[in-house]
Amino acid sequence: MSHRHFLIYKPYKMLSQFMTNDRHQKNKKFLGDLHDFPGGSMAVGRLDETSEGLLLITTDGQLSSHINKKGKVEKEYYAQVDGIITEEAVQKMTSGIEISINGSLYQTKECKAQILKEVPNLPETHQRIRDERHGPTSWVSVTLKEGKFRQVRKMCAAVGFPVLRLARVRIGDFTLESLDDKTVKEVTNQMD
């Protein structure tokens, strides 16, 4: 069987799934609203509803497992945070920081993080983000090889800089490139 792979820009307020049996989520937006994906398609490394950015959709369960479970594939995120993030805060994140996962303390693995000097070029968001009248904001890049639930948000909050906007911009060699909000692009190359 020949597998198919798609890159999409998941918009803010869309769930990283194709359907639900939860009656409370029936009116939510799902990935199937963006494109007629082939049967057996799955999202690799979900983004929570309030996050946006690069999402890989594949029919290949082994590829999904490789990316999610092996801890070898980098995922890069851009986070707009409340306040002017410091080098000290970034260093704490890169060294690993304690966050809560399912009610238990978890020490994150070492990662890459850096302050972004310029506002990244991301598609317009539908999310309302407060403006400079309510205090300054700044941007940080965080690159992980793990992916705990809401990890980047929890890491930034743990160092005192809550996230206002979060976008995944890279999964391994795949990047946002020319993807805009809700764009779907089929790709043929595979990840190692």
C-alpha atoms as a PDB file:
ATOM      1  CA  MET A   1       0.000   0.000   0.000  1.00  0.00           C
ATOM      2  CA  SER A   2       1.275   3.451  -0.901  1.00  0.00           C
ATOM      3  CA  HIS A   3       0.884   5.899   1.977  1.00  0.00           C
ATOM      4  CA  ARG A   4      -0.047   9.535   1.560  1.00  0.00           C
ATOM      5  CA  HIS A   5       1.163  12.517   3.596  1.00  0.00           C
ATOM      6  CA  PHE A   6      -0.164  16.050   3.897  1.00  0.00           C
ATOM      7  CA  LEU A   7       1.089  19.211   5.556  1.00  0.00           C
ATOM      8  CA  ILE A   8      -1.525  21.607   6.836  1.00  0.00           C
ATOM      9  CA  TYR A   9      -1.616  24.881   8.704  1.00  0.00           C
ATOM     10  CA  LYS A  10      -4.031  24.099  11.521  1.00  0.00           C
ATOM     11  CA  PRO A  11      -5.824  27.291  12.476  1.00  0.00           C
ATOM     12  CA  TYR A  12      -6.631  28.499  15.965  1.00  0.00           C
ATOM     13  CA  LYS A  13      -9.788  26.881  17.429  1.00  0.00           C
ATOM     14  CA  MET A  14      -9.677  23.726  15.285  1.00  0.00           C
ATOM     15  CA  LEU A  15      -9.299  20.278  16.874  1.00  0.00           C
ATOM     16  CA  SER A  16      -6.448  18.039  15.664  1.00  0.00           C
ATOM     17  CA  GLN A  17      -8.828  15.158  14.957  1.00  0.00           C
ATOM     18  CA  PHE A  18     -11.277  14.115  12.283  1.00  0.00           C
ATOM     19  CA  MET A  19     -14.376  13.409  14.344  1.00  0.00           C
ATOM     20  CA  THR A  20     -15.657  12.973  17.868  1.00  0.00           C
ATOM     21  CA  ASN A  21     -18.232  10.995  19.764  1.00  0.00           C
ATOM     22  CA  ASP A  22     -18.282  13.640  22.500  1.00  0.00           C
ATOM     23  CA  ARG A  23     -21.646  15.405  22.269  1.00  0.00           C
ATOM     24  CA  HIS A  24     -20.070  18.540  23.807  1.00  0.00           C
ATOM     25  CA  GLN A  25     -17.716  18.863  20.828  1.00  0.00           C
ATOM     26  CA  LYS A  26     -20.177  18.321  17.982  1.00  0.00           C
ATOM     27  CA  ASN A  27     -20.072  22.006  16.993  1.00  0.00           C
ATOM     28  CA  LYS A  28     -16.271  22.221  16.937  1.00  0.00           C
ATOM     29  CA  LYS A  29     -14.140  22.485  13.778  1.00  0.00           C
ATOM     30  CA  PHE A  30     -12.317  19.311  12.696  1.00  0.00           C
ATOM     31  CA  LEU A  31      -9.486  18.530  10.254  1.00  0.00           C
ATOM     32  CA  GLY A  32     -11.913  16.932   7.810  1.00  0.00           C
ATOM     33  CA  ASP A  33     -13.409  20.406   7.295  1.00  0.00           C
ATOM     34  CA  LEU A  34     -10.179  21.445   5.526  1.00  0.00           C
ATOM     35  CA  HIS A  35      -9.787  18.679   2.922  1.00  0.00           C
ATOM     36  CA  ASP A  36     -11.087  15.313   1.756  1.00  0.00           C
ATOM     37  CA  PHE A  37      -8.319  13.232   3.343  1.00  0.00           C
ATOM     38  CA  PRO A  38      -8.018   9.525   2.411  1.00  0.00           C
ATOM     39  CA  GLY A  39      -9.374   6.839   4.733  1.00  0.00           C
ATOM     40  CA  GLY A  40      -7.072   5.915   7.605  1.00  0.00           C
ATOM     41  CA  SER A  41      -5.578   9.409   7.844  1.00  0.00           C
ATOM     42  CA  MET A  42      -4.273  10.487  11.242  1.00  0.00           C
ATOM     43  CA  ALA A  43      -2.747  13.641  12.697  1.00  0.00           C
ATOM     44  CA  VAL A  44       0.856  13.210  13.808  1.00  0.00           C
ATOM     45  CA  GLY A  45       1.633  15.026  17.039  1.00  0.00           C
ATOM     46  CA  ARG A  46      -1.553  16.899  17.774  1.00  0.00           C
ATOM     47  CA  LEU A  47      -1.811  20.599  18.470  1.00  0.00           C
ATOM     48  CA  ASP A  48      -4.291  21.671  21.112  1.00  0.00           C
ATOM     49  CA  GLU A  49      -7.344  23.660  20.078  1.00  0.00           C
ATOM     50  CA  THR A  50      -5.839  27.031  20.982  1.00  0.00           C
ATOM     51  CA  SER A  51      -2.528  26.375  19.199  1.00  0.00           C
ATOM     52  CA  GLU A  52      -1.962  26.729  15.482  1.00  0.00           C
ATOM     53  CA  GLY A  53       0.606  25.856  12.880  1.00  0.00           C
ATOM     54  CA  LEU A  54       2.189  22.933  11.092  1.00  0.00           C
ATOM     55  CA  LEU A  55       0.458  19.589  11.339  1.00  0.00           C
ATOM     56  CA  LEU A  56       1.378  16.422   9.463  1.00  0.00           C
ATOM     57  CA  ILE A  57      -1.476  14.167   8.336  1.00  0.00           C
ATOM     58  CA  THR A  58      -0.527  10.664   7.201  1.00  0.00           C
ATOM     59  CA  THR A  59      -1.987   7.266   6.418  1.00  0.00           C
ATOM     60  CA  ASP A  60       1.254   5.663   7.710  1.00  0.00           C
ATOM     61  CA  GLY A  61       0.952   4.568  11.340  1.00  0.00           C
ATOM     62  CA  GLN A  62       4.655   3.641  11.480  1.00  0.00           C
ATOM     63  CA  LEU A  63       5.660   7.163  10.483  1.00  0.00           C
ATOM     64  CA  SER A  64       3.331   8.554  13.137  1.00  0.00           C
ATOM     65  CA  SER A  65       4.887   6.283  15.754  1.00  0.00           C
ATOM     66  CA  HIS A  66       8.421   7.207  14.635  1.00  0.00           C
ATOM     67  CA  ILE A  67       7.745  10.920  15.032  1.00  0.00           C
ATOM     68  CA  ASN A  68       5.757  10.708  18.273  1.00  0.00           C
ATOM     69  CA  LYS A  69       7.442   7.940  20.229  1.00  0.00           C
ATOM     70  CA  LYS A  70      11.128   7.747  19.340  1.00  0.00           C
ATOM     71  CA  GLY A  71      12.160  11.196  20.582  1.00  0.00           C
ATOM     72  CA  LYS A  72      14.416  11.793  17.576  1.00  0.00           C
ATOM     73  CA  VAL A  73      12.369  14.196  15.469  1.00  0.00           C
ATOM     74  CA  GLU A  74      12.557  17.873  16.366  1.00  0.00           C
ATOM     75  CA  LYS A  75       9.423  20.008  16.572  1.00  0.00           C
ATOM     76  CA  GLU A  76       9.902  23.774  16.642  1.00  0.00           C
ATOM     77  CA  TYR A  77       7.394  26.247  18.053  1.00  0.00           C
ATOM     78  CA  TYR A  78       7.167  30.028  18.083  1.00  0.00           C
ATOM     79  CA  ALA A  79       5.536  31.399  21.214  1.00  0.00           C
ATOM     80  CA  GLN A  80       4.402  34.965  21.796  1.00  0.00           C
ATOM     81  CA  VAL A  81       4.698  35.501  25.523  1.00  0.00           C
ATOM     82  CA  ASP A  82       3.455  38.050  28.032  1.00  0.00           C
ATOM     83  CA  GLY A  83       6.354  40.379  28.873  1.00  0.00           C
ATOM     84  CA  ILE A  84       9.908  40.637  27.565  1.00  0.00           C
ATOM     85  CA  ILE A  85      11.371  37.161  28.005  1.00  0.00           C
ATOM     86  CA  THR A  86      14.872  37.056  29.473  1.00  0.00           C
ATOM     87  CA  GLU A  87      17.953  35.021  28.565  1.00  0.00           C
ATOM     88  CA  GLU A  88      17.803  33.580  32.094  1.00  0.00           C
ATOM     89  CA  ALA A  89      14.266  32.250  31.478  1.00  0.00           C
ATOM     90  CA  VAL A  90      15.305  30.793  28.122  1.00  0.00           C
ATOM     91  CA  GLN A  91      18.325  29.102  29.728  1.00  0.00           C
ATOM     92  CA  LYS A  92      16.086  27.498  32.370  1.00  0.00           C
ATOM     93  CA  MET A  93      13.903  26.044  29.613  1.00  0.00           C
ATOM     94  CA  THR A  94      16.862  24.701  27.617  1.00  0.00           C
ATOM     95  CA  SER A  95      18.268  22.935  30.678  1.00  0.00           C
ATOM     96  CA  GLY A  96      14.969  21.258  31.494  1.00  0.00           C
ATOM     97  CA  ILE A  97      12.318  22.525  33.856  1.00  0.00           C
ATOM     98  CA  GLU A  98       9.741  20.950  36.134  1.00  0.00           C
ATOM     99  CA  ILE A  99       6.151  21.108  34.897  1.00  0.00           C
ATOM    100  CA  SER A 100       2.950  19.287  35.807  1.00  0.00           C
ATOM    101  CA  ILE A 101       1.687  16.486  33.547  1.00  0.00           C
ATOM    102  CA  ASN A 102      -1.571  14.791  34.550  1.00  0.00           C
ATOM    103  CA  GLY A 103      -1.143  15.986  38.131  1.00  0.00           C
ATOM    104  CA  SER A 104       2.422  14.676  38.493  1.00  0.00           C
ATOM    105  CA  LEU A 105       5.669  16.619  38.323  1.00  0.00           C
ATOM    106  CA  TYR A 106       7.698  16.038  35.170  1.00  0.00           C
ATOM    107  CA  GLN A 107      11.231  17.201  34.370  1.00  0.00           C
ATOM    108  CA  THR A 108      11.400  18.238  30.722  1.00  0.00           C
ATOM    109  CA  LYS A 109      14.360  17.086  28.657  1.00  0.00           C
ATOM    110  CA  GLU A 110      17.004  19.497  27.465  1.00  0.00           C
ATOM    111  CA  CYS A 111      15.835  21.442  24.438  1.00  0.00           C
ATOM    112  CA  LYS A 112      16.779  24.333  22.200  1.00  0.00           C
ATOM    113  CA  ALA A 113      15.291  27.754  22.870  1.00  0.00           C
ATOM    114  CA  GLN A 114      16.146  31.265  21.781  1.00  0.00           C
ATOM    115  CA  ILE A 115      14.663  34.720  21.873  1.00  0.00           C
ATOM    116  CA  LEU A 116      13.359  35.860  18.492  1.00  0.00           C
ATOM    117  CA  LYS A 117      14.561  39.399  17.787  1.00  0.00           C
ATOM    118  CA  GLU A 118      11.813  40.054  15.222  1.00  0.00           C
ATOM    119  CA  VAL A 119       8.132  39.151  15.119  1.00  0.00           C
ATOM    120  CA  PRO A 120       7.893  35.963  13.020  1.00  0.00           C
ATOM    121  CA  ASN A 121       6.062  35.976   9.708  1.00  0.00           C
ATOM    122  CA  LEU A 122       3.032  33.817  10.553  1.00  0.00           C
ATOM    123  CA  PRO A 123      -0.385  33.800   8.906  1.00  0.00           C
ATOM    124  CA  GLU A 124      -2.981  36.105  10.416  1.00  0.00           C
ATOM    125  CA  THR A 125      -4.684  34.513  13.388  1.00  0.00           C
ATOM    126  CA  HIS A 126      -8.347  34.555  14.343  1.00  0.00           C
ATOM    127  CA  GLN A 127      -7.252  34.652  17.972  1.00  0.00           C
ATOM    128  CA  ARG A 128      -7.695  37.932  19.803  1.00  0.00           C
ATOM    129  CA  ILE A 129      -4.394  38.867  21.393  1.00  0.00           C
ATOM    130  CA  ARG A 130      -4.144  41.881  23.637  1.00  0.00           C
ATOM    131  CA  ASP A 131      -2.203  44.819  22.273  1.00  0.00           C
ATOM    132  CA  GLU A 132       0.797  46.766  23.559  1.00  0.00           C
ATOM    133  CA  ARG A 133      -1.443  49.033  25.689  1.00  0.00           C
ATOM    134  CA  HIS A 134      -1.665  46.129  28.148  1.00  0.00           C
ATOM    135  CA  GLY A 135       2.091  45.652  28.373  1.00  0.00           C
ATOM    136  CA  PRO A 136       4.871  44.407  26.121  1.00  0.00           C
ATOM    137  CA  THR A 137       5.090  40.977  24.522  1.00  0.00           C
ATOM    138  CA  SER A 138       8.010  39.076  23.012  1.00  0.00           C
ATOM    139  CA  TRP A 139       8.649  35.940  20.962  1.00  0.00           C
ATOM    140  CA  VAL A 140      10.683  32.824  21.706  1.00  0.00           C
ATOM    141  CA  SER A 141      11.532  29.762  19.618  1.00  0.00           C
ATOM    142  CA  VAL A 142      11.382  26.412  21.460  1.00  0.00           C
ATOM    143  CA  THR A 143      12.532  23.172  19.784  1.00  0.00           C
ATOM    144  CA  LEU A 144      11.621  19.861  21.441  1.00  0.00           C
ATOM    145  CA  LYS A 145      12.126  16.173  20.723  1.00  0.00           C
ATOM    146  CA  GLU A 146       9.360  15.247  23.141  1.00  0.00           C
ATOM    147  CA  GLY A 147       5.764  16.384  23.182  1.00  0.00           C
ATOM    148  CA  LYS A 148       3.874  16.337  26.436  1.00  0.00           C
ATOM    149  CA  PHE A 149       0.386  17.859  26.584  1.00  0.00           C
ATOM    150  CA  ARG A 150       0.647  21.679  26.372  1.00  0.00           C
ATOM    151  CA  GLN A 151       4.371  21.392  27.105  1.00  0.00           C
ATOM    152  CA  VAL A 152       5.585  24.658  25.559  1.00  0.00           C
ATOM    153  CA  ARG A 153       2.810  26.601  27.297  1.00  0.00           C
ATOM    154  CA  LYS A 154       3.667  24.987  30.638  1.00  0.00           C
ATOM    155  CA  MET A 155       7.413  25.572  30.202  1.00  0.00           C
ATOM    156  CA  CYS A 156       6.954  29.256  29.406  1.00  0.00           C
ATOM    157  CA  ALA A 157       4.542  29.719  32.319  1.00  0.00           C
ATOM    158  CA  ALA A 158       6.984  27.946  34.668  1.00  0.00           C
ATOM    159  CA  VAL A 159       9.644  30.582  33.926  1.00  0.00           C
ATOM    160  CA  GLY A 160       7.158  33.440  34.365  1.00  0.00           C
ATOM    161  CA  PHE A 161       6.175  34.222  30.764  1.00  0.00           C
ATOM    162  CA  PRO A 162       2.686  32.904  29.919  1.00  0.00           C
ATOM    163  CA  VAL A 163       1.996  32.158  26.248  1.00  0.00           C
ATOM    164  CA  LEU A 164      -0.415  34.409  24.354  1.00  0.00           C
ATOM    165  CA  ARG A 165      -0.042  32.749  20.926  1.00  0.00           C
ATOM    166  CA  LEU A 166       1.606  29.448  19.996  1.00  0.00           C
ATOM    167  CA  ALA A 167       2.418  28.138  16.515  1.00  0.00           C
ATOM    168  CA  ARG A 168       4.357  25.026  15.474  1.00  0.00           C
ATOM    169  CA  VAL A 169       6.617  25.982  12.576  1.00  0.00           C
ATOM    170  CA  ARG A 170       8.645  22.811  11.953  1.00  0.00           C
ATOM    171  CA  ILE A 171       8.442  19.009  12.269  1.00  0.00           C
ATOM    172  CA  GLY A 172      11.816  17.480  11.358  1.00  0.00           C
ATOM    173  CA  ASP A 173      12.633  18.788   7.866  1.00  0.00           C
ATOM    174  CA  PHE A 174       9.065  19.905   7.159  1.00  0.00           C
ATOM    175  CA  THR A 175       8.448  23.627   7.635  1.00  0.00           C
ATOM    176  CA  LEU A 176       5.582  26.032   7.166  1.00  0.00           C
ATOM    177  CA  GLU A 177       7.154  27.369   3.952  1.00  0.00           C
ATOM    178  CA  SER A 178       4.263  28.723   1.874  1.00  0.00           C
ATOM    179  CA  LEU A 179       1.451  27.385   4.030  1.00  0.00           C
ATOM    180  CA  ASP A 180      -1.244  29.840   5.000  1.00  0.00           C
ATOM    181  CA  ASP A 181      -4.095  29.473   7.443  1.00  0.00           C
ATOM    182  CA  LYS A 182      -6.090  26.302   6.560  1.00  0.00           C
ATOM    183  CA  THR A 183      -3.765  25.391   3.632  1.00  0.00           C
ATOM    184  CA  VAL A 184      -3.381  21.677   2.778  1.00  0.00           C
ATOM    185  CA  LYS A 185      -0.335  20.508   0.767  1.00  0.00           C
ATOM    186  CA  GLU A 186       0.367  16.879  -0.219  1.00  0.00           C
ATOM    187  CA  VAL A 187       4.029  15.868   0.123  1.00  0.00           C
ATOM    188  CA  THR A 188       5.925  12.869  -1.189  1.00  0.00           C
ATOM    189  CA  ASN A 189       9.181  12.863   0.783  1.00  0.00           C
ATOM    190  CA  GLN A 190       9.382  10.913   4.031  1.00  0.00           C
ATOM    191  CA  MET A 191      11.100  11.576   7.335  1.00  0.00           C
ATOM    192  CA  ASP A 192      14.113   9.621   8.451  1.00  0.00           C
END
